[in-house]
N, C-alpha and C. Protein backbone atom coordinates (compact mmCIF):
# COMPACT_ATOMS: atom_id res chain seq x y z
N UNK A 1 49.22 -24.16 14.70
CA UNK A 1 48.42 -24.89 14.25
C UNK A 1 48.73 -26.15 13.47
N UNK A 2 48.82 -27.53 12.96
CA UNK A 2 48.95 -28.04 11.59
C UNK A 2 47.48 -28.16 10.91
N UNK A 3 48.40 -28.49 9.42
CA UNK A 3 47.71 -28.85 8.78
C UNK A 3 45.64 -29.70 9.27
N UNK A 4 46.63 -30.57 9.88
CA UNK A 4 45.60 -31.90 10.35
C UNK A 4 45.26 -31.23 11.71
N UNK A 5 45.68 -30.07 12.42
CA UNK A 5 44.52 -29.62 13.81
C UNK A 5 43.66 -29.02 13.43
N UNK A 6 43.57 -28.33 12.28
CA UNK A 6 42.66 -27.17 12.52
C UNK A 6 41.22 -27.98 12.49
N UNK A 7 40.11 -26.87 13.45
CA UNK A 7 38.96 -27.04 13.37
C UNK A 7 37.96 -26.42 12.39
N UNK A 8 37.30 -27.53 11.81
CA UNK A 8 36.65 -26.83 10.28
C UNK A 8 35.27 -26.32 10.99
N UNK A 9 34.96 -24.78 10.57
CA UNK A 9 34.07 -24.35 10.97
C UNK A 9 33.18 -24.13 9.62
N UNK A 10 32.01 -24.22 10.10
CA UNK A 10 30.56 -25.22 9.63
C UNK A 10 30.17 -23.79 8.86
N UNK A 11 30.23 -24.12 7.84
CA UNK A 11 28.97 -23.13 6.53
C UNK A 11 28.07 -22.38 7.97
N UNK A 12 27.28 -21.45 7.38
CA UNK A 12 26.01 -21.25 8.26
C UNK A 12 24.75 -21.93 7.12
N UNK A 13 24.18 -22.35 7.46
CA UNK A 13 22.74 -22.75 6.86
C UNK A 13 22.14 -21.94 6.18
N UNK A 14 21.51 -22.04 5.30
CA UNK A 14 21.00 -21.35 4.49
C UNK A 14 19.46 -21.51 4.65
N UNK A 15 18.78 -20.44 4.89
CA UNK A 15 17.53 -20.64 5.46
C UNK A 15 16.51 -20.01 4.40
N UNK A 16 16.33 -21.06 3.73
CA UNK A 16 14.81 -21.23 2.82
C UNK A 16 13.96 -20.43 3.41
N UNK A 17 13.17 -21.07 4.17
CA UNK A 17 12.19 -20.56 4.70
C UNK A 17 11.59 -19.23 4.86
N UNK A 18 11.24 -18.27 4.50
CA UNK A 18 10.67 -17.34 5.38
C UNK A 18 10.48 -17.02 7.01
N UNK A 19 10.44 -16.65 7.77
CA UNK A 19 10.14 -16.37 8.96
C UNK A 19 8.96 -15.38 9.13
N UNK A 20 7.57 -15.64 9.32
CA UNK A 20 7.09 -15.38 9.51
C UNK A 20 6.14 -14.18 10.52
N UNK A 21 5.10 -13.32 10.44
CA UNK A 21 4.22 -12.34 11.37
C UNK A 21 3.10 -12.65 10.84
N UNK A 22 1.87 -12.95 12.07
CA UNK A 22 1.00 -12.92 12.06
C UNK A 22 0.09 -11.51 12.50
N UNK A 23 -0.61 -11.26 11.25
CA UNK A 23 -1.29 -9.79 11.00
C UNK A 23 -2.39 -9.94 11.34
N UNK A 24 -3.22 -8.61 11.98
CA UNK A 24 -4.69 -9.07 11.46
C UNK A 24 -5.35 -10.49 12.27
N UNK A 25 -6.68 -11.60 10.87
CA UNK A 25 -6.89 -12.29 10.95
C UNK A 25 -6.11 -13.47 11.46
N UNK A 26 -6.31 -14.76 12.31
CA UNK A 26 -5.76 -15.48 12.43
C UNK A 26 -4.57 -16.54 10.92
N UNK A 27 -5.75 -16.54 10.59
CA UNK A 27 -5.74 -17.62 9.43
C UNK A 27 -4.11 -16.84 7.82
N UNK A 28 -4.30 -15.42 8.94
CA UNK A 28 -3.22 -14.52 7.55
C UNK A 28 -1.82 -14.51 8.02
N UNK A 29 -0.93 -15.09 7.20
CA UNK A 29 0.28 -15.39 7.59
C UNK A 29 1.14 -14.62 6.46
N UNK A 30 1.88 -13.57 6.75
CA UNK A 30 2.86 -12.78 5.92
C UNK A 30 4.15 -12.63 6.17
N UNK A 31 4.72 -12.71 5.06
CA UNK A 31 6.27 -13.66 5.07
C UNK A 31 7.01 -11.97 5.73
N UNK A 32 7.92 -12.42 5.89
CA UNK A 32 8.95 -11.55 6.70
C UNK A 32 10.14 -10.82 5.63
N UNK A 33 10.17 -11.41 4.18
CA UNK A 33 11.31 -10.92 3.40
C UNK A 33 10.40 -9.39 2.79
N UNK A 34 11.17 -9.28 1.99
CA UNK A 34 11.17 -7.65 1.77
C UNK A 34 10.01 -6.84 0.72
N UNK A 35 8.97 -6.20 1.12
CA UNK A 35 8.20 -5.96 -0.07
C UNK A 35 8.70 -5.60 -1.42
N UNK A 36 8.28 -5.84 -2.17
CA UNK A 36 8.00 -5.10 -3.53
C UNK A 36 6.96 -4.46 -4.28
N UNK A 37 6.91 -3.26 -4.39
CA UNK A 37 5.61 -2.50 -4.68
C UNK A 37 5.24 -2.87 -6.83
N UNK A 38 3.90 -2.72 -6.42
CA UNK A 38 3.95 -2.78 -8.21
C UNK A 38 2.41 -1.85 -7.92
N UNK A 39 2.64 -1.07 -8.78
CA UNK A 39 2.41 0.24 -9.36
C UNK A 39 1.43 -0.26 -10.26
N UNK A 40 0.96 -1.31 -11.25
CA UNK A 40 0.43 -1.53 -12.50
C UNK A 40 -1.16 -2.10 -12.48
N UNK A 41 -1.64 -1.76 -11.22
CA UNK A 41 -3.31 -1.53 -11.45
C UNK A 41 -3.56 -0.20 -12.31
N UNK A 42 -4.16 -0.96 -13.63
CA UNK A 42 -5.28 0.28 -14.52
C UNK A 42 -5.71 1.12 -14.00
N UNK A 43 -6.43 1.26 -13.04
CA UNK A 43 -6.94 2.30 -12.60
C UNK A 43 -5.87 3.16 -10.86
N UNK A 44 -5.01 2.99 -10.85
CA UNK A 44 -4.52 3.46 -10.17
C UNK A 44 -4.41 5.04 -9.78
N UNK A 45 -4.29 5.05 -11.18
CA UNK A 45 -3.95 7.34 -11.23
C UNK A 45 -5.66 7.87 -11.80
N UNK A 46 -6.44 6.41 -11.81
CA UNK A 46 -8.26 7.13 -11.94
C UNK A 46 -8.48 8.04 -10.12
N UNK A 47 -7.98 9.26 -10.15
CA UNK A 47 -8.09 9.54 -8.81
C UNK A 47 -9.73 10.17 -8.34
N UNK A 48 -10.57 9.61 -7.30
CA UNK A 48 -11.66 10.02 -7.03
C UNK A 48 -11.91 11.12 -6.17
N UNK A 49 -12.52 11.19 -5.96
CA UNK A 49 -13.68 12.51 -5.18
C UNK A 49 -14.93 12.19 -4.58
N UNK A 50 -14.85 11.90 -3.24
CA UNK A 50 -16.25 11.01 -2.97
C UNK A 50 -16.10 11.64 -1.52
N UNK A 51 -17.69 11.68 -1.38
CA UNK A 51 -17.91 12.15 -0.10
C UNK A 51 -16.82 12.28 1.34
N UNK A 52 -16.90 10.93 1.66
CA UNK A 52 -15.73 10.66 2.79
C UNK A 52 -14.02 10.49 2.02
N UNK A 53 -13.90 10.69 1.27
CA UNK A 53 -12.52 11.08 0.87
C UNK A 53 -11.98 11.19 -0.82
N UNK A 54 -11.58 12.24 -0.97
CA UNK A 54 -10.68 12.86 -2.06
C UNK A 54 -9.29 12.43 -2.37
N UNK A 55 -8.27 12.23 -3.29
CA UNK A 55 -7.45 11.70 -3.61
C UNK A 55 -6.76 13.19 -4.98
N UNK A 56 -7.90 13.57 -5.74
CA UNK A 56 -7.53 14.36 -6.45
C UNK A 56 -6.78 15.64 -6.34
N UNK A 57 -5.82 16.27 -6.91
CA UNK A 57 -5.16 17.07 -6.56
C UNK A 57 -5.66 18.51 -6.76
N UNK A 58 -4.78 19.79 -6.51
CA UNK A 58 -5.22 21.36 -7.31
C UNK A 58 -5.12 21.61 -8.54
N UNK A 59 -3.35 21.03 -8.68
CA UNK A 59 -3.34 21.19 -10.74
C UNK A 59 -2.38 19.79 -10.60
N UNK A 60 -1.95 20.57 -11.90
CA UNK A 60 -1.01 19.07 -12.56
C UNK A 60 1.00 19.53 -11.71
N UNK A 61 0.87 20.87 -10.82
CA UNK A 61 2.12 21.07 -10.60
C UNK A 61 1.95 19.98 -9.33
N UNK A 62 0.84 20.33 -8.50
CA UNK A 62 0.51 19.60 -7.08
C UNK A 62 0.25 17.60 -7.29
N UNK A 63 -0.32 17.52 -8.35
CA UNK A 63 0.13 15.95 -8.51
C UNK A 63 1.44 15.47 -8.98
N UNK A 64 2.14 16.58 -10.06
CA UNK A 64 3.43 16.16 -9.61
C UNK A 64 4.12 15.83 -8.19
N UNK A 65 4.16 16.52 -8.04
CA UNK A 65 4.39 16.56 -6.15
C UNK A 65 4.13 15.61 -5.07
N UNK A 66 2.68 15.27 -5.84
CA UNK A 66 2.48 14.14 -4.57
C UNK A 66 2.89 12.52 -5.79
N UNK A 67 3.10 13.07 -6.42
CA UNK A 67 4.28 11.62 -7.01
C UNK A 67 5.39 11.41 -6.68
N UNK A 68 6.03 12.82 -6.37
CA UNK A 68 7.54 12.75 -5.92
C UNK A 68 7.64 12.18 -4.18
N UNK A 69 6.46 12.31 -3.66
CA UNK A 69 5.79 11.81 -2.47
C UNK A 69 5.74 10.49 -2.30
N UNK A 70 5.17 10.07 -3.19
CA UNK A 70 4.82 8.83 -3.89
C UNK A 70 6.09 8.08 -3.50
N UNK A 71 6.95 8.43 -5.04
CA UNK A 71 8.40 7.51 -4.95
C UNK A 71 9.27 8.30 -3.45
N UNK A 72 8.84 9.10 -2.69
CA UNK A 72 9.66 8.95 -1.80
C UNK A 72 9.63 8.00 -0.42
N UNK A 73 8.11 7.85 -0.41
CA UNK A 73 7.32 6.67 0.20
C UNK A 73 8.25 5.43 0.34
N UNK A 74 7.76 4.97 -1.46
CA UNK A 74 7.84 3.65 -1.92
C UNK A 74 9.41 3.08 -1.81
N UNK A 75 10.44 4.52 -1.91
CA UNK A 75 11.66 4.56 -1.46
C UNK A 75 12.32 4.01 0.03
N UNK A 76 11.02 4.75 0.97
CA UNK A 76 11.96 4.49 1.69
C UNK A 76 11.67 2.91 2.40
N UNK A 77 10.13 2.43 2.09
CA UNK A 77 9.45 1.33 2.53
C UNK A 77 9.98 0.02 1.36
N UNK A 78 10.71 0.59 0.48
CA UNK A 78 10.97 -0.83 -0.40
C UNK A 78 11.74 -2.10 0.73
N UNK A 79 11.59 -3.23 0.19
CA UNK A 79 13.05 -4.36 0.67
C UNK A 79 12.41 -4.28 2.20
N UNK A 80 11.83 -3.65 3.05
CA UNK A 80 11.36 -3.43 4.10
C UNK A 80 10.28 -4.71 4.76
N UNK A 81 10.89 -5.60 5.86
CA UNK A 81 9.99 -7.20 5.67
C UNK A 81 8.81 -6.26 6.41
N UNK A 82 7.40 -7.62 6.05
CA UNK A 82 6.43 -6.93 7.12
C UNK A 82 5.81 -7.39 7.89
N UNK A 83 7.23 -8.12 8.75
CA UNK A 83 6.98 -8.35 10.40
C UNK A 83 7.84 -6.61 11.22
N UNK A 84 8.49 -5.93 9.81
CA UNK A 84 9.22 -4.95 10.80
C UNK A 84 8.17 -4.10 10.43
N UNK A 85 7.43 -3.90 9.16
CA UNK A 85 6.80 -2.58 8.97
C UNK A 85 5.02 -2.80 9.89
N UNK A 86 4.41 -4.15 9.84
CA UNK A 86 3.32 -3.88 10.71
C UNK A 86 3.49 -4.66 11.89
N UNK A 87 4.71 -5.29 12.40
CA UNK A 87 4.84 -5.69 14.26
C UNK A 87 5.42 -4.66 14.80
N UNK A 88 6.28 -4.03 14.43
CA UNK A 88 6.67 -2.80 15.02
C UNK A 88 5.86 -1.38 15.46
N UNK A 89 6.58 -0.59 16.14
CA UNK A 89 5.44 0.44 16.52
C UNK A 89 6.92 1.48 16.13
N UNK A 90 7.31 1.32 15.20
CA UNK A 90 8.06 2.34 13.75
C UNK A 90 7.78 2.70 13.07
N UNK A 91 6.73 2.27 12.07
CA UNK A 91 5.82 2.11 11.46
C UNK A 91 4.48 2.57 11.50
N UNK A 92 4.02 3.72 12.30
CA UNK A 92 3.20 3.74 12.95
C UNK A 92 1.64 3.97 11.33
N UNK A 93 2.18 4.19 10.33
CA UNK A 93 0.83 4.29 9.44
C UNK A 93 1.38 2.79 8.77
N UNK A 94 1.81 2.05 8.74
CA UNK A 94 1.59 0.98 7.67
C UNK A 94 0.70 -0.11 9.13
N UNK A 95 -0.39 -0.12 8.58
CA UNK A 95 -1.15 -1.76 9.39
C UNK A 95 -2.24 -1.91 7.93
N UNK A 96 -3.29 -3.14 9.08
CA UNK A 96 -4.44 -3.35 7.92
C UNK A 96 -5.56 -2.72 8.29
N UNK A 97 -6.14 -2.64 7.47
CA UNK A 97 -7.13 -1.75 7.21
C UNK A 97 -8.16 -2.36 7.97
N UNK A 98 -9.00 -1.98 8.61
CA UNK A 98 -10.08 -2.19 10.01
C UNK A 98 -11.29 -2.27 8.49
N UNK A 99 -12.20 -3.05 9.17
CA UNK A 99 -13.18 -3.57 8.54
C UNK A 99 -14.30 -2.45 8.37
N UNK A 100 -14.28 -1.42 9.37
CA UNK A 100 -15.01 -0.35 8.62
C UNK A 100 -14.33 0.38 7.48
N UNK A 101 -13.31 0.64 7.42
CA UNK A 101 -12.99 1.03 6.36
C UNK A 101 -12.55 0.16 5.12
N UNK A 102 -13.03 -0.68 5.09
CA UNK A 102 -12.51 -1.88 4.36
C UNK A 102 -13.81 -1.57 2.93
N UNK A 103 -14.79 -1.81 3.69
CA UNK A 103 -16.00 -1.73 2.62
C UNK A 103 -15.54 -0.31 2.29
N UNK A 104 -15.21 1.39 2.74
CA UNK A 104 -15.04 2.44 2.40
C UNK A 104 -14.13 2.39 1.08
N UNK A 105 -12.68 1.49 1.33
CA UNK A 105 -11.60 1.29 0.19
C UNK A 105 -12.13 0.65 -1.01
N UNK A 106 -13.06 -0.45 -1.24
CA UNK A 106 -13.77 -1.25 -1.77
C UNK A 106 -14.32 -0.78 -2.45
N UNK A 107 -14.78 0.47 -2.64
CA UNK A 107 -16.21 1.60 -2.65
C UNK A 107 -15.23 2.31 -4.05
N UNK A 108 -14.18 3.07 -3.23
CA UNK A 108 -13.02 3.98 -3.57
C UNK A 108 -12.44 3.59 -5.02
N UNK A 109 -11.97 1.64 -4.87
CA UNK A 109 -11.49 1.26 -5.97
C UNK A 109 -12.25 0.81 -7.39
N UNK A 110 -13.82 0.46 -6.74
CA UNK A 110 -14.86 0.95 -7.62
C UNK A 110 -14.98 2.06 -8.26
N UNK A 111 -14.92 3.14 -7.81
CA UNK A 111 -15.56 4.20 -8.14
C UNK A 111 -14.06 4.88 -9.13
N UNK A 112 -12.63 4.31 -8.67
CA UNK A 112 -11.51 5.12 -9.83
C UNK A 112 -11.57 3.88 -11.12
N UNK A 113 -12.11 2.76 -10.79
CA UNK A 113 -12.34 1.63 -12.45
C UNK A 113 -13.94 2.47 -12.47
N UNK A 114 -14.55 2.93 -12.25
CA UNK A 114 -15.92 3.13 -13.35
C UNK A 114 -15.24 4.98 -13.73
N UNK A 115 -14.82 5.88 -13.36
CA UNK A 115 -14.18 6.22 -13.73
C UNK A 115 -13.11 5.79 -15.00
N UNK A 116 -12.28 5.23 -15.07
CA UNK A 116 -11.44 4.73 -16.15
C UNK A 116 -12.29 3.94 -17.09
N UNK A 117 -13.22 3.58 -16.76
CA UNK A 117 -14.42 3.31 -17.82
C UNK A 117 -14.67 1.92 -18.19
N UNK A 118 -14.09 0.93 -16.92
CA UNK A 118 -13.84 -0.09 -16.30
C UNK A 118 -15.98 -0.16 -16.61
N UNK A 119 -16.02 -1.32 -17.10
CA UNK A 119 -17.80 -1.60 -17.39
C UNK A 119 -18.69 -2.49 -16.02
N UNK A 120 -17.79 -3.14 -15.12
CA UNK A 120 -17.91 -4.18 -14.41
C UNK A 120 -17.15 -3.67 -13.01
N UNK A 121 -17.42 -2.71 -12.77
CA UNK A 121 -16.18 -2.73 -11.25
C UNK A 121 -16.13 -2.97 -10.15
N UNK A 122 -17.57 -3.55 -9.73
CA UNK A 122 -18.04 -4.57 -8.47
C UNK A 122 -17.39 -5.87 -9.07
N UNK A 123 -17.42 -6.25 -9.96
CA UNK A 123 -16.76 -7.97 -10.47
C UNK A 123 -15.06 -7.84 -10.77
N UNK A 124 -14.86 -6.55 -10.67
CA UNK A 124 -13.12 -6.38 -10.67
C UNK A 124 -12.80 -6.32 -9.66
N UNK A 125 -13.78 -5.38 -8.57
CA UNK A 125 -12.81 -5.81 -6.99
C UNK A 125 -13.22 -7.02 -5.93
N UNK A 126 -14.32 -7.46 -7.01
CA UNK A 126 -14.75 -9.24 -6.20
C UNK A 126 -13.38 -10.25 -6.34
N UNK A 127 -13.08 -9.88 -7.49
CA UNK A 127 -11.94 -10.83 -8.34
C UNK A 127 -10.43 -10.09 -7.60
N UNK A 128 -9.93 -8.93 -7.70
CA UNK A 128 -8.94 -8.62 -7.23
C UNK A 128 -8.71 -8.98 -5.69
N UNK A 129 -9.83 -8.13 -4.81
CA UNK A 129 -9.89 -8.52 -3.46
C UNK A 129 -10.27 -9.85 -2.79
N UNK A 130 -11.28 -10.17 -3.44
CA UNK A 130 -11.45 -11.48 -3.03
C UNK A 130 -12.33 -11.12 -1.06
N UNK A 131 -11.71 -12.32 -0.62
CA UNK A 131 -12.01 -11.86 1.14
C UNK A 131 -9.95 -11.25 1.66
N UNK A 132 -9.02 -10.98 0.66
CA UNK A 132 -7.83 -10.55 1.14
C UNK A 132 -7.83 -9.33 1.94
N UNK A 133 -6.77 -9.60 3.19
CA UNK A 133 -6.66 -8.47 3.60
C UNK A 133 -6.09 -7.05 3.10
N UNK A 134 -7.04 -5.88 3.31
CA UNK A 134 -6.11 -4.42 2.71
C UNK A 134 -4.88 -3.96 3.67
N UNK A 135 -4.15 -3.62 2.98
CA UNK A 135 -3.08 -2.96 4.04
C UNK A 135 -2.78 -1.62 4.00
N UNK A 136 -2.84 -0.62 4.55
CA UNK A 136 -1.86 0.63 3.98
C UNK A 136 -0.53 0.76 4.73
N UNK A 137 0.07 1.33 4.11
CA UNK A 137 1.88 1.33 4.43
C UNK A 137 1.57 3.24 4.00
N UNK A 138 2.84 3.83 4.91
CA UNK A 138 2.97 5.04 4.87
C UNK A 138 3.70 5.11 5.56
N UNK A 139 4.70 6.52 5.48
CA UNK A 139 5.82 7.20 6.27
C UNK A 139 4.85 8.64 7.33
N UNK A 140 5.66 9.20 7.58
CA UNK A 140 5.10 10.34 8.59
C UNK A 140 5.34 11.50 6.76
N UNK A 141 4.68 12.19 6.97
CA UNK A 141 4.54 13.41 5.68
C UNK A 141 4.57 12.67 4.37
N UNK A 142 4.11 11.83 4.22
CA UNK A 142 4.55 11.00 2.94
C UNK A 142 2.88 10.49 2.41
N UNK A 143 2.63 9.74 1.37
CA UNK A 143 1.62 9.16 0.45
C UNK A 143 1.41 8.37 1.71
N UNK A 144 0.17 7.82 1.49
CA UNK A 144 -0.54 6.81 2.25
C UNK A 144 -0.75 5.85 1.20
N UNK A 145 -0.17 4.82 0.96
CA UNK A 145 0.00 3.58 0.05
C UNK A 145 -1.00 2.75 0.76
N UNK A 146 -2.55 2.37 -0.24
CA UNK A 146 -3.79 1.56 0.13
C UNK A 146 -3.29 -0.10 -0.94
N UNK A 147 -3.44 -1.36 -0.70
CA UNK A 147 -3.01 -2.42 -1.53
C UNK A 147 -3.21 -3.50 -1.00
N UNK A 148 -3.11 -4.91 -1.54
CA UNK A 148 -2.99 -5.91 -1.07
C UNK A 148 -1.94 -6.66 -0.96
N UNK A 149 -1.73 -7.73 -0.34
CA UNK A 149 0.14 -8.40 -0.50
C UNK A 149 -0.21 -9.70 -0.52
N UNK A 150 0.46 -9.98 -1.61
CA UNK A 150 0.46 -11.48 -2.13
C UNK A 150 1.80 -12.52 -1.47
N UNK A 151 1.77 -13.82 -1.57
CA UNK A 151 2.25 -14.48 -1.14
C UNK A 151 3.52 -14.60 -1.41
N UNK A 152 4.20 -14.02 -2.77
CA UNK A 152 5.49 -13.47 -2.86
C UNK A 152 5.68 -12.30 -2.52
N UNK A 153 5.23 -11.36 -1.44
CA UNK A 153 5.28 -10.24 -0.88
C UNK A 153 5.52 -9.03 -1.63
N UNK A 154 4.90 -9.31 -3.01
CA UNK A 154 4.74 -7.85 -3.55
C UNK A 154 3.32 -7.08 -3.33
N UNK A 155 3.60 -6.29 -3.09
CA UNK A 155 2.68 -5.36 -2.13
C UNK A 155 1.86 -4.38 -3.53
N UNK A 156 0.62 -5.06 -4.08
CA UNK A 156 -0.09 -4.42 -5.11
C UNK A 156 -0.73 -3.40 -4.97
N UNK A 157 -0.49 -2.13 -5.65
CA UNK A 157 -1.06 -0.57 -4.58
C UNK A 157 -2.66 -0.73 -5.87
N UNK A 158 -3.67 -0.71 -4.57
CA UNK A 158 -4.81 -0.44 -5.44
C UNK A 158 -5.35 0.97 -5.68
N UNK A 159 -4.77 1.95 -4.09
CA UNK A 159 -4.93 3.51 -4.36
C UNK A 159 -4.17 4.18 -3.28
N UNK A 160 -4.23 5.46 -3.41
CA UNK A 160 -3.30 6.34 -3.40
C UNK A 160 -4.29 7.18 -2.39
N UNK A 161 -3.54 7.55 -1.14
CA UNK A 161 -4.12 8.79 -0.38
C UNK A 161 -2.98 9.80 0.02
N UNK A 162 -3.13 10.60 -0.89
CA UNK A 162 -2.33 11.78 -0.98
C UNK A 162 -2.17 12.48 0.23
N UNK A 163 -3.92 12.92 0.30
CA UNK A 163 -4.16 13.87 1.67
C UNK A 163 -4.29 13.27 3.10
N UNK A 164 -4.00 11.82 3.31
CA UNK A 164 -3.97 11.04 4.76
C UNK A 164 -5.90 10.92 4.90
N UNK A 165 -6.53 10.98 3.72
CA UNK A 165 -8.14 11.10 4.29
C UNK A 165 -8.77 9.85 4.60
N UNK A 166 -8.21 8.92 4.02
CA UNK A 166 -8.63 7.47 5.02
C UNK A 166 -8.85 7.23 6.45
N UNK A 167 -7.40 7.69 7.11
CA UNK A 167 -7.33 7.71 8.29
C UNK A 167 -6.89 9.44 8.58
N UNK A 168 -8.44 10.37 8.59
CA UNK A 168 -8.15 12.01 8.52
C UNK A 168 -7.74 12.22 9.93
N UNK A 169 -7.38 13.36 10.02
CA UNK A 169 -6.57 13.66 11.00
C UNK A 169 -6.49 15.21 11.04
N UNK A 170 -7.78 16.30 10.86
CA UNK A 170 -8.54 17.55 10.48
C UNK A 170 -6.77 18.79 10.91
N UNK A 171 -6.62 18.22 11.63
CA UNK A 171 -5.46 19.19 11.94
C UNK A 171 -4.35 19.10 11.51
N UNK A 172 -4.01 18.06 10.22
CA UNK A 172 -2.97 17.74 9.75
C UNK A 172 -3.25 17.98 7.96
N UNK A 173 -5.11 17.73 7.60
CA UNK A 173 -5.56 18.04 6.29
C UNK A 173 -6.39 18.98 6.19
N UNK A 174 -4.50 20.10 5.45
CA UNK A 174 -5.16 21.51 5.73
C UNK A 174 -5.73 21.55 3.77
N UNK A 175 -5.36 21.23 3.37
CA UNK A 175 -5.83 20.64 2.05
C UNK A 175 -7.36 20.22 1.70
N UNK A 176 -8.46 21.80 1.16
CA UNK A 176 -9.70 21.57 1.47
C UNK A 176 -10.21 20.44 0.08
N UNK A 177 -11.02 20.14 0.11
CA UNK A 177 -11.75 18.86 -1.15
C UNK A 177 -12.15 20.13 -2.18
N UNK A 178 -13.17 21.09 -2.03
CA UNK A 178 -13.56 21.96 -3.35
C UNK A 178 -12.02 22.44 -4.02
N UNK A 179 -11.06 22.80 -3.36
CA UNK A 179 -9.96 22.91 -4.35
C UNK A 179 -9.00 22.05 -4.78
N UNK A 180 -9.46 20.93 -4.55
CA UNK A 180 -9.18 19.45 -5.32
C UNK A 180 -9.49 19.12 -6.37
N UNK A 181 -9.85 19.23 -7.64
CA UNK A 181 -10.60 18.93 -8.79
C UNK A 181 -9.23 18.01 -9.99
N UNK A 182 -8.41 18.46 -9.96
CA UNK A 182 -7.67 17.51 -10.98
C UNK A 182 -6.86 16.40 -10.70
N UNK A 183 -7.59 15.19 -12.07
CA UNK A 183 -7.32 13.66 -11.75
C UNK A 183 -6.68 14.10 -13.66
N UNK A 184 -5.16 13.07 -13.30
CA UNK A 184 -4.81 13.29 -14.46
C UNK A 184 -5.09 12.26 -15.48
N UNK A 185 -5.19 12.22 -16.90
CA UNK A 185 -6.70 11.30 -17.73
C UNK A 185 -6.27 9.57 -17.25
N UNK A 186 -7.69 9.06 -17.16
CA UNK A 186 -7.48 7.49 -17.31
C UNK A 186 -7.39 6.88 -18.25
N UNK A 187 -7.13 5.52 -18.19
CA UNK A 187 -6.92 4.75 -19.83
C UNK A 187 -8.26 4.72 -19.88
N UNK A 188 -8.55 4.03 -21.16
CA UNK A 188 -9.82 3.99 -21.58
C UNK A 188 -10.03 2.80 -21.92
């Protein structure tokens, strides 16, 4: 082919719009760009022990092991699209928190904030959560991570479920609550 007879191959069009998938409520649209995890919530490591849930550890060593599982979970899920995590059957531990568990999650976040010395934990959760959907993400044998997803694809982690107690399965929950009393120091 001569220089003048070459066909021009068009450049691929840049897709600036993120594809989206509907999850939960009809008006909730999640972007299909990769998730980024934000662990900056001040009371995240103020672990709680409640009649319906606990995420305290046996001791400092168990806490470090739990943090390693948290790192492993985040490493495997970072950059995955919300479409891939929530709309496929591949990640069965990634889903919208139902209303029945949402009330428990809000109460647990409030308890963690109170444990950390926050004087108005209810106001804090009202401001943080409002009517935002709350999600759980996790992998097999990994830590379950509970939080909210911002419009920019940032998953703000608000609660850690080291023992899979939010959606409990007694055959897999071998660590008894009365053995778990360790929590790292909370911010003042």
